[in-house]
C-alpha atoms as a PDB file:
ATOM      1  CA  UNK A   1      -3.575 -19.204  11.910  1.00  0.00           C
ATOM      2  CA  UNK A   2      -2.163 -22.621  11.966  1.00  0.00           C
ATOM      3  CA  UNK A   3       1.306 -22.695  10.220  1.00  0.00           C
ATOM      4  CA  UNK A   4       0.936 -23.096   6.115  1.00  0.00           C
ATOM      5  CA  UNK A   5       3.782 -23.741   3.281  1.00  0.00           C
ATOM      6  CA  UNK A   6       4.103 -20.191   2.027  1.00  0.00           C
ATOM      7  CA  UNK A   7       3.821 -18.592  -1.598  1.00  0.00           C
ATOM      8  CA  UNK A   8       7.391 -18.483  -2.187  1.00  0.00           C
ATOM      9  CA  UNK A   9       8.072 -21.775  -1.042  1.00  0.00           C
ATOM     10  CA  UNK A  10       6.086 -24.140  -4.060  1.00  0.00           C
ATOM     11  CA  UNK A  11       8.505 -24.543  -6.723  1.00  0.00           C
ATOM     12  CA  UNK A  12       7.582 -24.969 -10.110  1.00  0.00           C
ATOM     13  CA  UNK A  13       4.793 -27.230 -11.444  1.00  0.00           C
ATOM     14  CA  UNK A  14       3.627 -27.734  -7.753  1.00  0.00           C
ATOM     15  CA  UNK A  15       0.576 -28.268  -6.640  1.00  0.00           C
ATOM     16  CA  UNK A  16      -0.853 -25.546  -4.432  1.00  0.00           C
ATOM     17  CA  UNK A  17      -3.391 -26.053  -1.835  1.00  0.00           C
ATOM     18  CA  UNK A  18      -3.447 -22.997   0.933  1.00  0.00           C
ATOM     19  CA  UNK A  19      -5.495 -20.218   2.241  1.00  0.00           C
ATOM     20  CA  UNK A  20      -4.894 -16.561   1.061  1.00  0.00           C
ATOM     21  CA  UNK A  21      -5.284 -12.589   0.570  1.00  0.00           C
ATOM     22  CA  UNK A  22      -7.626 -12.183  -2.075  1.00  0.00           C
ATOM     23  CA  UNK A  23      -6.145  -9.104  -3.777  1.00  0.00           C
ATOM     24  CA  UNK A  24      -7.939  -8.534  -7.039  1.00  0.00           C
ATOM     25  CA  UNK A  25     -10.564  -9.924  -9.406  1.00  0.00           C
ATOM     26  CA  UNK A  26     -11.437  -8.986 -12.097  1.00  0.00           C
ATOM     27  CA  UNK A  27     -14.244 -11.849 -14.344  1.00  0.00           C
ATOM     28  CA  UNK A  28     -13.221 -11.184 -18.194  1.00  0.00           C
ATOM     29  CA  UNK A  29     -14.138 -13.123 -21.387  1.00  0.00           C
ATOM     30  CA  UNK A  30     -11.841 -15.078 -23.623  1.00  0.00           C
ATOM     31  CA  UNK A  31     -11.709 -14.685 -28.030  1.00  0.00           C
ATOM     32  CA  UNK A  32     -14.554 -17.850 -28.128  1.00  0.00           C
ATOM     33  CA  UNK A  33     -17.207 -15.800 -25.217  1.00  0.00           C
ATOM     34  CA  UNK A  34     -16.268 -18.170 -22.447  1.00  0.00           C
ATOM     35  CA  UNK A  35     -15.970 -16.248 -18.445  1.00  0.00           C
ATOM     36  CA  UNK A  36     -12.762 -16.879 -16.739  1.00  0.00           C
ATOM     37  CA  UNK A  37     -11.732 -14.850 -13.642  1.00  0.00           C
ATOM     38  CA  UNK A  38      -8.200 -13.147 -13.117  1.00  0.00           C
ATOM     39  CA  UNK A  39      -6.712 -13.520  -9.513  1.00  0.00           C
ATOM     40  CA  UNK A  40      -4.172 -11.520  -7.779  1.00  0.00           C
ATOM     41  CA  UNK A  41      -3.871 -13.125  -4.184  1.00  0.00           C
ATOM     42  CA  UNK A  42      -1.327 -13.072  -1.219  1.00  0.00           C
ATOM     43  CA  UNK A  43       0.268 -13.861   1.913  1.00  0.00           C
ATOM     44  CA  UNK A  44       3.612 -12.613   3.643  1.00  0.00           C
ATOM     45  CA  UNK A  45       5.450 -14.158   1.148  1.00  0.00           C
ATOM     46  CA  UNK A  46       4.774 -12.780  -1.570  1.00  0.00           C
ATOM     47  CA  UNK A  47       1.591 -12.077  -4.576  1.00  0.00           C
ATOM     48  CA  UNK A  48       0.899 -14.024  -7.046  1.00  0.00           C
ATOM     49  CA  UNK A  49      -1.019 -13.752 -10.392  1.00  0.00           C
ATOM     50  CA  UNK A  50      -3.038 -15.952 -12.767  1.00  0.00           C
ATOM     51  CA  UNK A  51      -6.530 -17.469 -14.404  1.00  0.00           C
ATOM     52  CA  UNK A  52      -9.083 -19.316 -13.681  1.00  0.00           C
ATOM     53  CA  UNK A  53     -10.686 -20.954 -16.732  1.00  0.00           C
ATOM     54  CA  UNK A  54     -14.249 -22.304 -17.036  1.00  0.00           C
ATOM     55  CA  UNK A  55     -15.948 -19.757 -14.139  1.00  0.00           C
ATOM     56  CA  UNK A  56     -19.557 -18.290 -13.992  1.00  0.00           C
ATOM     57  CA  UNK A  57     -21.263 -15.525 -12.497  1.00  0.00           C
ATOM     58  CA  UNK A  58     -21.748 -16.841  -9.220  1.00  0.00           C
ATOM     59  CA  UNK A  59     -18.295 -18.092  -8.838  1.00  0.00           C
ATOM     60  CA  UNK A  60     -17.242 -14.413  -9.488  1.00  0.00           C
ATOM     61  CA  UNK A  61     -20.379 -12.219  -6.942  1.00  0.00           C
ATOM     62  CA  UNK A  62     -18.514 -14.487  -4.103  1.00  0.00           C
ATOM     63  CA  UNK A  63     -15.098 -12.649  -4.096  1.00  0.00           C
ATOM     64  CA  UNK A  64     -13.767  -9.537  -3.081  1.00  0.00           C
ATOM     65  CA  UNK A  65     -10.540  -8.008  -2.818  1.00  0.00           C
ATOM     66  CA  UNK A  66      -9.550  -8.120   0.710  1.00  0.00           C
ATOM     67  CA  UNK A  67     -11.325 -11.390   1.864  1.00  0.00           C
ATOM     68  CA  UNK A  68      -8.740 -14.599   2.425  1.00  0.00           C
ATOM     69  CA  UNK A  69     -10.141 -17.452   0.730  1.00  0.00           C
ATOM     70  CA  UNK A  70      -8.916 -20.616  -0.092  1.00  0.00           C
ATOM     71  CA  UNK A  71      -6.895 -21.705  -3.228  1.00  0.00           C
ATOM     72  CA  UNK A  72      -5.893 -24.626  -5.478  1.00  0.00           C
ATOM     73  CA  UNK A  73      -4.076 -24.616  -7.889  1.00  0.00           C
ATOM     74  CA  UNK A  74      -0.050 -24.978  -9.861  1.00  0.00           C
ATOM     75  CA  UNK A  75       2.714 -23.521 -10.285  1.00  0.00           C
ATOM     76  CA  UNK A  76       3.435 -21.575 -13.083  1.00  0.00           C
ATOM     77  CA  UNK A  77       5.872 -19.049 -14.670  1.00  0.00           C
ATOM     78  CA  UNK A  78       5.449 -16.663 -17.694  1.00  0.00           C
ATOM     79  CA  UNK A  79       8.631 -15.032 -19.408  1.00  0.00           C
ATOM     80  CA  UNK A  80      10.045 -15.298 -15.958  1.00  0.00           C
ATOM     81  CA  UNK A  81       7.556 -14.413 -13.685  1.00  0.00           C
ATOM     82  CA  UNK A  82       5.560 -16.658 -11.096  1.00  0.00           C
ATOM     83  CA  UNK A  83       2.348 -17.848 -12.426  1.00  0.00           C
ATOM     84  CA  UNK A  84      -0.266 -19.435 -10.816  1.00  0.00           C
ATOM     85  CA  UNK A  85      -2.936 -21.821 -12.996  1.00  0.00           C
ATOM     86  CA  UNK A  86      -6.300 -21.507 -10.743  1.00  0.00           C
ATOM     87  CA  UNK A  87      -8.363 -24.736 -10.668  1.00  0.00           C
ATOM     88  CA  UNK A  88     -10.344 -23.882  -6.899  1.00  0.00           C
ATOM     89  CA  UNK A  89     -11.039 -20.507  -5.272  1.00  0.00           C
ATOM     90  CA  UNK A  90     -13.784 -20.249  -2.764  1.00  0.00           C
ATOM     91  CA  UNK A  91     -14.020 -17.882   0.355  1.00  0.00           C
ATOM     92  CA  UNK A  92     -12.588 -18.984   4.040  1.00  0.00           C
ATOM     93  CA  UNK A  93     -15.120 -20.203   5.913  1.00  0.00           C
ATOM     94  CA  UNK A  94     -16.742 -20.537   9.627  1.00  0.00           C
ATOM     95  CA  UNK A  95     -13.285 -22.292  11.917  1.00  0.00           C
ATOM     96  CA  UNK A  96     -10.976 -21.486   8.951  1.00  0.00           C
ATOM     97  CA  UNK A  97      -8.836 -18.589   8.571  1.00  0.00           C
ATOM     98  CA  UNK A  98      -9.890 -15.424   8.500  1.00  0.00           C
ATOM     99  CA  UNK A  99      -7.663 -12.558   9.603  1.00  0.00           C
ATOM    100  CA  UNK A 100      -6.342 -10.577   6.681  1.00  0.00           C
ATOM    101  CA  UNK A 101      -3.219  -9.591   8.550  1.00  0.00           C
ATOM    102  CA  UNK A 102      -1.846 -13.015   8.782  1.00  0.00           C
ATOM    103  CA  UNK A 103      -1.503 -12.748   5.644  1.00  0.00           C
ATOM    104  CA  UNK A 104       0.121  -8.863   4.894  1.00  0.00           C
ATOM    105  CA  UNK A 105       3.462  -8.638   5.328  1.00  0.00           C
ATOM    106  CA  UNK A 106       4.906  -5.721   7.183  1.00  0.00           C
ATOM    107  CA  UNK A 107       7.538  -4.132   7.775  1.00  0.00           C
ATOM    108  CA  UNK A 108      11.069  -4.253  10.237  1.00  0.00           C
ATOM    109  CA  UNK A 109      10.139  -1.260  12.262  1.00  0.00           C
ATOM    110  CA  UNK A 110       6.271  -1.412  14.609  1.00  0.00           C
ATOM    111  CA  UNK A 111       4.173   1.762  14.000  1.00  0.00           C
ATOM    112  CA  UNK A 112       5.375   3.069  17.934  1.00  0.00           C
ATOM    113  CA  UNK A 113       9.181   3.048  17.192  1.00  0.00           C
ATOM    114  CA  UNK A 114       8.629   4.821  14.261  1.00  0.00           C
ATOM    115  CA  UNK A 115       6.170   7.610  15.667  1.00  0.00           C
ATOM    116  CA  UNK A 116       8.986   7.663  18.466  1.00  0.00           C
ATOM    117  CA  UNK A 117      12.513   8.501  15.825  1.00  0.00           C
ATOM    118  CA  UNK A 118       9.991  10.723  13.727  1.00  0.00           C
ATOM    119  CA  UNK A 119       9.302  12.579  16.647  1.00  0.00           C
ATOM    120  CA  UNK A 120      12.790  13.412  17.385  1.00  0.00           C
ATOM    121  CA  UNK A 121      13.418  14.437  13.843  1.00  0.00           C
ATOM    122  CA  UNK A 122      10.853  16.454  13.543  1.00  0.00           C
ATOM    123  CA  UNK A 123      12.106  18.735  15.985  1.00  0.00           C
ATOM    124  CA  UNK A 124      15.198  19.125  14.198  1.00  0.00           C
ATOM    125  CA  UNK A 125      13.331  21.306  11.799  1.00  0.00           C
ATOM    126  CA  UNK A 126      14.333  23.792  13.243  1.00  0.00           C
ATOM    127  CA  UNK A 127      12.552  26.594  10.818  1.00  0.00           C
ATOM    128  CA  UNK A 128       9.288  27.402  12.190  1.00  0.00           C
ATOM    129  CA  UNK A 129       6.816  27.005   9.339  1.00  0.00           C
ATOM    130  CA  UNK A 130       8.024  24.149   7.831  1.00  0.00           C
ATOM    131  CA  UNK A 131       8.300  22.101  12.059  1.00  0.00           C
ATOM    132  CA  UNK A 132       4.196  23.247  11.685  1.00  0.00           C
ATOM    133  CA  UNK A 133       3.259  22.202   8.348  1.00  0.00           C
ATOM    134  CA  UNK A 134       4.756  18.913   9.156  1.00  0.00           C
ATOM    135  CA  UNK A 135       3.178  18.827  11.897  1.00  0.00           C
ATOM    136  CA  UNK A 136       0.112  19.575  10.742  1.00  0.00           C
ATOM    137  CA  UNK A 137      -0.603  17.159   7.989  1.00  0.00           C
ATOM    138  CA  UNK A 138       1.619  14.212  10.406  1.00  0.00           C
ATOM    139  CA  UNK A 139      -1.233  14.749  12.872  1.00  0.00           C
ATOM    140  CA  UNK A 140      -4.056  14.703   9.743  1.00  0.00           C
ATOM    141  CA  UNK A 141      -2.901  11.463   8.754  1.00  0.00           C
ATOM    142  CA  UNK A 142      -1.586   9.685  11.587  1.00  0.00           C
ATOM    143  CA  UNK A 143      -2.952   6.659  11.555  1.00  0.00           C
ATOM    144  CA  UNK A 144      -2.870   6.752   7.763  1.00  0.00           C
ATOM    145  CA  UNK A 145       0.945   7.571   7.942  1.00  0.00           C
ATOM    146  CA  UNK A 146       1.892   4.477   9.855  1.00  0.00           C
ATOM    147  CA  UNK A 147       0.165   1.833   8.259  1.00  0.00           C
ATOM    148  CA  UNK A 148       0.250   2.074   4.325  1.00  0.00           C
ATOM    149  CA  UNK A 149       2.422   1.011   1.970  1.00  0.00           C
ATOM    150  CA  UNK A 150       4.547   3.165   0.355  1.00  0.00           C
ATOM    151  CA  UNK A 151       3.862   1.314  -2.942  1.00  0.00           C
ATOM    152  CA  UNK A 152       1.071  -0.545  -4.684  1.00  0.00           C
ATOM    153  CA  UNK A 153       2.960  -3.222  -5.759  1.00  0.00           C
ATOM    154  CA  UNK A 154       7.330  -2.236  -5.813  1.00  0.00           C
ATOM    155  CA  UNK A 155       9.350  -0.751  -3.007  1.00  0.00           C
ATOM    156  CA  UNK A 156       8.206  -0.755   0.612  1.00  0.00           C
ATOM    157  CA  UNK A 157       4.871  -2.125  -0.949  1.00  0.00           C
ATOM    158  CA  UNK A 158       3.925  -3.567   2.998  1.00  0.00           C
ATOM    159  CA  UNK A 159       1.834  -2.578   5.596  1.00  0.00           C
ATOM    160  CA  UNK A 160       3.964   0.264   7.286  1.00  0.00           C
ATOM    161  CA  UNK A 161       5.859   0.452   3.960  1.00  0.00           C
ATOM    162  CA  UNK A 162       4.686   4.657   4.108  1.00  0.00           C
ATOM    163  CA  UNK A 163       6.588   5.023   7.544  1.00  0.00           C
ATOM    164  CA  UNK A 164      10.049   3.207   6.766  1.00  0.00           C
ATOM    165  CA  UNK A 165      10.551   4.324   4.223  1.00  0.00           C
ATOM    166  CA  UNK A 166       9.676   8.146   4.571  1.00  0.00           C
ATOM    167  CA  UNK A 167      11.951   7.323   8.062  1.00  0.00           C
ATOM    168  CA  UNK A 168      14.945   5.824   6.065  1.00  0.00           C
ATOM    169  CA  UNK A 169      15.151   9.216   3.916  1.00  0.00           C
ATOM    170  CA  UNK A 170      14.875  11.157   6.812  1.00  0.00           C
ATOM    171  CA  UNK A 171      18.455   9.070   8.797  1.00  0.00           C
ATOM    172  CA  UNK A 172      19.736   9.383   5.479  1.00  0.00           C
ATOM    173  CA  UNK A 173      19.281  13.614   5.107  1.00  0.00           C
ATOM    174  CA  UNK A 174      20.568  13.597   8.465  1.00  0.00           C
ATOM    175  CA  UNK A 175      23.844  12.161   7.141  1.00  0.00           C
ATOM    176  CA  UNK A 176      23.761  13.982   4.137  1.00  0.00           C
ATOM    177  CA  UNK A 177      23.198  17.247   6.220  1.00  0.00           C
ATOM    178  CA  UNK A 178      26.565  16.812   8.199  1.00  0.00           C
ATOM    179  CA  UNK A 179      28.844  15.871   5.161  1.00  0.00           C
ATOM    180  CA  UNK A 180      28.197  18.804   3.268  1.00  0.00           C
ATOM    181  CA  UNK A 181      27.709  22.168   5.922  1.00  0.00           C
ATOM    182  CA  UNK A 182      25.599  23.869   2.152  1.00  0.00           C
ATOM    183  CA  UNK A 183      22.716  21.536   2.291  1.00  0.00           C
ATOM    184  CA  UNK A 184      19.859  23.545   5.467  1.00  0.00           C
ATOM    185  CA  UNK A 185      18.770  20.203   7.287  1.00  0.00           C
ATOM    186  CA  UNK A 186      15.724  21.819   8.295  1.00  0.00           C
ATOM    187  CA  UNK A 187      13.952  21.950   4.624  1.00  0.00           C
ATOM    188  CA  UNK A 188      15.653  18.832   3.409  1.00  0.00           C
ATOM    189  CA  UNK A 189      14.032  17.501   6.580  1.00  0.00           C
ATOM    190  CA  UNK A 190      10.629  18.864   6.383  1.00  0.00           C
ATOM    191  CA  UNK A 191      11.143  17.621   2.852  1.00  0.00           C
ATOM    192  CA  UNK A 192      11.986  14.668   3.209  1.00  0.00           C
ATOM    193  CA  UNK A 193       8.752  13.752   6.327  1.00  0.00           C
ATOM    194  CA  UNK A 194       5.847  15.135   3.439  1.00  0.00           C
ATOM    195  CA  UNK A 195       7.111  13.887   0.295  1.00  0.00           C
ATOM    196  CA  UNK A 196       5.473  10.340   0.026  1.00  0.00           C
ATOM    197  CA  UNK A 197       2.701  11.444   2.028  1.00  0.00           C
ATOM    198  CA  UNK A 198       0.139  12.291  -0.478  1.00  0.00           C
ATOM    199  CA  UNK A 199       0.033   8.625  -0.650  1.00  0.00           C
ATOM    200  CA  UNK A 200      -2.395   8.374   2.363  1.00  0.00           C
ATOM    201  CA  UNK A 201      -4.834   9.537  -0.583  1.00  0.00           C
ATOM    202  CA  UNK A 202      -3.604   8.232  -3.867  1.00  0.00           C
ATOM    203  CA  UNK A 203      -3.858   4.396  -2.086  1.00  0.00           C
ATOM    204  CA  UNK A 204      -6.861   2.681  -0.868  1.00  0.00           C
ATOM    205  CA  UNK A 205      -4.925   1.127   2.124  1.00  0.00           C
ATOM    206  CA  UNK A 206      -2.673  -1.521   3.004  1.00  0.00           C
ATOM    207  CA  UNK A 207      -5.188  -4.772   2.717  1.00  0.00           C
ATOM    208  CA  UNK A 208      -5.552  -5.642  -0.904  1.00  0.00           C
ATOM    209  CA  UNK A 209      -4.176  -1.880  -2.409  1.00  0.00           C
ATOM    210  CA  UNK A 210      -5.246  -0.297  -5.223  1.00  0.00           C
ATOM    211  CA  UNK A 211      -5.008   3.499  -6.905  1.00  0.00           C
ATOM    212  CA  UNK A 212      -8.091   5.446  -5.136  1.00  0.00           C
ATOM    213  CA  UNK A 213      -9.477   7.983  -8.341  1.00  0.00           C
ATOM    214  CA  UNK A 214      -7.870  10.972  -7.024  1.00  0.00           C
ATOM    215  CA  UNK A 215      -4.736   9.029  -7.140  1.00  0.00           C
ATOM    216  CA  UNK A 216      -5.351   7.692 -10.484  1.00  0.00           C
ATOM    217  CA  UNK A 217      -6.656  11.228 -11.974  1.00  0.00           C
ATOM    218  CA  UNK A 218      -3.735  13.675  -9.728  1.00  0.00           C
ATOM    219  CA  UNK A 219      -1.307  11.166  -8.017  1.00  0.00           C
ATOM    220  CA  UNK A 220       0.616  11.788  -4.680  1.00  0.00           C
ATOM    221  CA  UNK A 221       2.831  14.808  -5.986  1.00  0.00           C
ATOM    222  CA  UNK A 222       0.088  16.804  -6.756  1.00  0.00           C
ATOM    223  CA  UNK A 223      -2.005  15.651  -3.880  1.00  0.00           C
ATOM    224  CA  UNK A 224       0.390  16.566  -0.965  1.00  0.00           C
ATOM    225  CA  UNK A 225       1.596  19.892  -2.575  1.00  0.00           C
ATOM    226  CA  UNK A 226      -2.434  20.409  -2.330  1.00  0.00           C
ATOM    227  CA  UNK A 227      -2.346  19.411   1.674  1.00  0.00           C
ATOM    228  CA  UNK A 228       0.494  21.992   2.268  1.00  0.00           C
ATOM    229  CA  UNK A 229      -1.676  24.628   0.571  1.00  0.00           C
ATOM    230  CA  UNK A 230      -4.289  23.383   2.531  1.00  0.00           C
ATOM    231  CA  UNK A 231      -2.757  23.584   5.674  1.00  0.00           C
ATOM    232  CA  UNK A 232      -0.871  27.089   5.115  1.00  0.00           C
ATOM    233  CA  UNK A 233      -4.529  28.225   4.430  1.00  0.00           C
ATOM    234  CA  UNK A 234      -5.512  26.728   8.342  1.00  0.00           C
ATOM    235  CA  UNK A 235      -2.606  27.832  10.072  1.00  0.00           C
ATOM    236  CA  UNK A 236      -2.928  31.149   8.664  1.00  0.00           C
ATOM    237  CA  UNK A 237       0.855  31.561   6.806  1.00  0.00           C
ATOM    238  CA  UNK A 238       2.163  33.984   3.710  1.00  0.00           C
ATOM    239  CA  UNK A 239       0.912  30.988   1.076  1.00  0.00           C
ATOM    240  CA  UNK A 240       4.161  32.894  -1.511  1.00  0.00           C
ATOM    241  CA  UNK A 241       6.541  33.461   2.102  1.00  0.00           C
ATOM    242  CA  UNK A 242       9.663  32.188   0.464  1.00  0.00           C
ATOM    243  CA  UNK A 243       9.750  29.154   3.219  1.00  0.00           C
ATOM    244  CA  UNK A 244       6.299  27.724   1.532  1.00  0.00           C
ATOM    245  CA  UNK A 245       7.312  28.137  -2.132  1.00  0.00           C
ATOM    246  CA  UNK A 246      10.278  26.588  -1.341  1.00  0.00           C
ATOM    247  CA  UNK A 247       9.155  23.913   1.057  1.00  0.00           C
ATOM    248  CA  UNK A 248       6.600  22.803  -1.962  1.00  0.00           C
ATOM    249  CA  UNK A 249       9.232  23.264  -4.451  1.00  0.00           C
ATOM    250  CA  UNK A 250      11.250  20.364  -3.006  1.00  0.00           C
ATOM    251  CA  UNK A 251       8.107  18.198  -2.112  1.00  0.00           C
ATOM    252  CA  UNK A 252       7.008  18.865  -6.272  1.00  0.00           C
ATOM    253  CA  UNK A 253      10.522  18.388  -7.449  1.00  0.00           C
ATOM    254  CA  UNK A 254      11.214  14.730  -6.101  1.00  0.00           C
ATOM    255  CA  UNK A 255      10.865  12.012  -8.458  1.00  0.00           C
ATOM    256  CA  UNK A 256      13.652  14.371 -10.367  1.00  0.00           C
ATOM    257  CA  UNK A 257      12.174  14.112 -14.219  1.00  0.00           C
ATOM    258  CA  UNK A 258       9.156  15.195 -15.677  1.00  0.00           C
ATOM    259  CA  UNK A 259       7.882  12.429 -17.600  1.00  0.00           C
ATOM    260  CA  UNK A 260       8.552  10.386 -13.631  1.00  0.00           C
ATOM    261  CA  UNK A 261       5.237  12.619 -12.314  1.00  0.00           C
ATOM    262  CA  UNK A 262       7.371  15.994 -11.334  1.00  0.00           C
ATOM    263  CA  UNK A 263       5.573  19.304 -12.602  1.00  0.00           C
ATOM    264  CA  UNK A 264       9.164  20.488 -12.220  1.00  0.00           C
ATOM    265  CA  UNK A 265      12.874  19.595 -11.577  1.00  0.00           C
ATOM    266  CA  UNK A 266      14.944  19.898  -8.968  1.00  0.00           C
ATOM    267  CA  UNK A 267      16.172  23.773  -8.737  1.00  0.00           C
ATOM    268  CA  UNK A 268      17.452  24.217  -5.507  1.00  0.00           C
ATOM    269  CA  UNK A 269      20.400  21.957  -3.312  1.00  0.00           C
ATOM    270  CA  UNK A 270      17.958  20.208  -1.028  1.00  0.00           C
ATOM    271  CA  UNK A 271      15.139  19.215  -3.772  1.00  0.00           C
ATOM    272  CA  UNK A 272      18.100  17.689  -5.901  1.00  0.00           C
ATOM    273  CA  UNK A 273      19.316  15.802  -2.988  1.00  0.00           C
ATOM    274  CA  UNK A 274      15.702  14.441  -1.795  1.00  0.00           C
ATOM    275  CA  UNK A 275      15.501  13.075  -5.544  1.00  0.00           C
ATOM    276  CA  UNK A 276      18.521  11.384  -5.033  1.00  0.00           C
ATOM    277  CA  UNK A 277      17.852   9.816  -1.958  1.00  0.00           C
ATOM    278  CA  UNK A 278      13.890   8.931  -2.298  1.00  0.00           C
ATOM    279  CA  UNK A 279      15.722   6.725  -5.096  1.00  0.00           C
ATOM    280  CA  UNK A 280      18.402   5.455  -3.764  1.00  0.00           C
ATOM    281  CA  UNK A 281      15.969   3.593  -0.900  1.00  0.00           C
ATOM    282  CA  UNK A 282      13.774   2.727  -3.640  1.00  0.00           C
ATOM    283  CA  UNK A 283      16.309   1.106  -4.994  1.00  0.00           C
ATOM    284  CA  UNK A 284      18.180  -0.769  -2.251  1.00  0.00           C
ATOM    285  CA  UNK A 285      14.563  -1.510  -0.880  1.00  0.00           C
ATOM    286  CA  UNK A 286      13.951  -2.640  -4.825  1.00  0.00           C
ATOM    287  CA  UNK A 287      17.735  -4.766  -5.105  1.00  0.00           C
ATOM    288  CA  UNK A 288      16.365  -6.391  -1.370  1.00  0.00           C
ATOM    289  CA  UNK A 289      13.143  -7.883  -3.183  1.00  0.00           C
ATOM    290  CA  UNK A 290      14.259  -9.510  -5.911  1.00  0.00           C
ATOM    291  CA  UNK A 291      16.993 -11.280  -3.906  1.00  0.00           C
ATOM    292  CA  UNK A 292      14.471 -12.607  -1.439  1.00  0.00           C
ATOM    293  CA  UNK A 293      12.893 -14.474  -4.397  1.00  0.00           C
ATOM    294  CA  UNK A 294      16.572 -15.532  -5.575  1.00  0.00           C
ATOM    295  CA  UNK A 295      18.513 -18.475  -4.415  1.00  0.00           C
ATOM    296  CA  UNK A 296      22.901 -17.947  -4.519  1.00  0.00           C
ATOM    297  CA  UNK A 297      24.616 -18.213  -7.725  1.00  0.00           C
ATOM    298  CA  UNK A 298      21.254 -17.284  -9.691  1.00  0.00           C
ATOM    299  CA  UNK A 299      19.683 -14.249 -11.575  1.00  0.00           C
ATOM    300  CA  UNK A 300      16.160 -13.506 -10.755  1.00  0.00           C
ATOM    301  CA  UNK A 301      13.457 -12.604 -13.120  1.00  0.00           C
ATOM    302  CA  UNK A 302      13.451  -9.235 -15.207  1.00  0.00           C
ATOM    303  CA  UNK A 303      12.249  -6.630 -12.333  1.00  0.00           C
ATOM    304  CA  UNK A 304      10.427  -3.670 -13.949  1.00  0.00           C
ATOM    305  CA  UNK A 305      10.992  -1.842 -10.584  1.00  0.00           C
ATOM    306  CA  UNK A 306      14.587  -2.033 -11.729  1.00  0.00           C
ATOM    307  CA  UNK A 307      14.565  -0.716 -15.634  1.00  0.00           C
ATOM    308  CA  UNK A 308      13.628  -4.604 -16.032  1.00  0.00           C
ATOM    309  CA  UNK A 309      17.380  -5.761 -14.804  1.00  0.00           C
ATOM    310  CA  UNK A 310      18.103  -9.343 -13.606  1.00  0.00           C
ATOM    311  CA  UNK A 311      20.095  -9.092 -10.601  1.00  0.00           C
ATOM    312  CA  UNK A 312      23.053 -11.621  -9.548  1.00  0.00           C
ATOM    313  CA  UNK A 313      22.452 -13.106  -6.165  1.00  0.00           C
ATOM    314  CA  UNK A 314      26.428 -13.788  -5.253  1.00  0.00           C
ATOM    315  CA  UNK A 315      26.739 -17.216  -3.818  1.00  0.00           C
ATOM    316  CA  UNK A 316      28.059 -15.660   0.096  1.00  0.00           C
ATOM    317  CA  UNK A 317      24.719 -13.877   0.754  1.00  0.00           C
END
């Protein structure tokens, strides 16, 4: 694909004319009964949403999330967030950019690099029950684990983000276990490698990511607990042994609070550490995302993932 200006490079009130990935499209009706389209597009630099007024059913039917589209519009702002007024949108035609991978952001590590490091970490899980469960599930969801994002739109929302986020936490877990001898490193590492694996069921994939029906109705925490139970049954392990109960608890408690989706709060130290490391890594990625979109000496827009804070980018970075 020929180089083109990225979404991030367009300034307020500037006309946009480019190819992009169509992430989401909905047909809606105004209060006066006129149809319009609510659209989200993206490239490797960012995603942006907006409306196309005076639409029709034929235009809507020609468009589908996950395809490359050509768009014309005007960069605007709404409540301190970028917005696009769509003037034209159509599917890419023969001879025009078609490869969706050209528009999907990816992480700093390739899948093969992440896989090699993860395999090394698995050997550090010396408890045989935990290692068998981890190996079984990572083999079962191998392709998705290294390809999926870790979220739809917040932290690590890029192709390979799930594996990269997991690997970041496993690295931190090793440092914590080295600093605090009372931590069971095997339990912490097993929990770290499995804690977000349910997102391969919760999310649709790396292209035009959406939440699946199980993702919306059940959520990744309960989904991965179910997979641990099914793996234990397949491996003929005692489901109510302390080892398995501890592993399930560490995974189930990793969001820390009931209101954040965990059915239990951390009641063993490894569960508490995993929760804090998960928060740390997610928050740092959210800071990085905000700072990448902010000029030195300025504040970012309000960021929902950071408690609606506006983040300052110092002049020196």
